[in-house]
């Protein structure tokens, strides 16, 4: 999840391979499929750009650097984990990761509520259907601790029915 703003920047803003709406749809699908969301997203983007070979290369490109870097960092951590500097670095990274995840969630929420135009105080631009579905899903998650997959499926079904009717 922390990588989503970085992926969005590359895919939507810099390379224009997808629109923000297409990227949000991609994240929804990547979230529902098994495996890490960044790898799923890379696979979908690679497939969109260059078919099956693109999906394979994008997946390898997403996995290989992380494996190498994490292996090196794990070796360094286990060798020097008692050092205060290492503990300080890890303590400093935690808020950064939380901020990246919050940024991705906020981007998706803003797209759902206001569309591609972004935040606006004009009530006419707010998608109240999305707001109601989001509020209901959040309430159900917090009140009854329902599994998130059921919330996603239910929200998708309700949204699909509502948008087909409207």
Foldseek 3Di string as FASTA:
>chain_A
DLCLVVVCCVDPPPPNLDHLVVLLVQQLVLVLDDDDSCLSSQLVSLCSVPNPVRSVVSNCVSPVVVVVVVVVVVVVCVVPVVDVVVVVVVVVVVVSSVVSVVVSVVSSLQCQFQNPVGDDPPPVRGPVLSVVLVVVLVCCCVPVVDPVVVSSVVSVVVVVVVVVVD
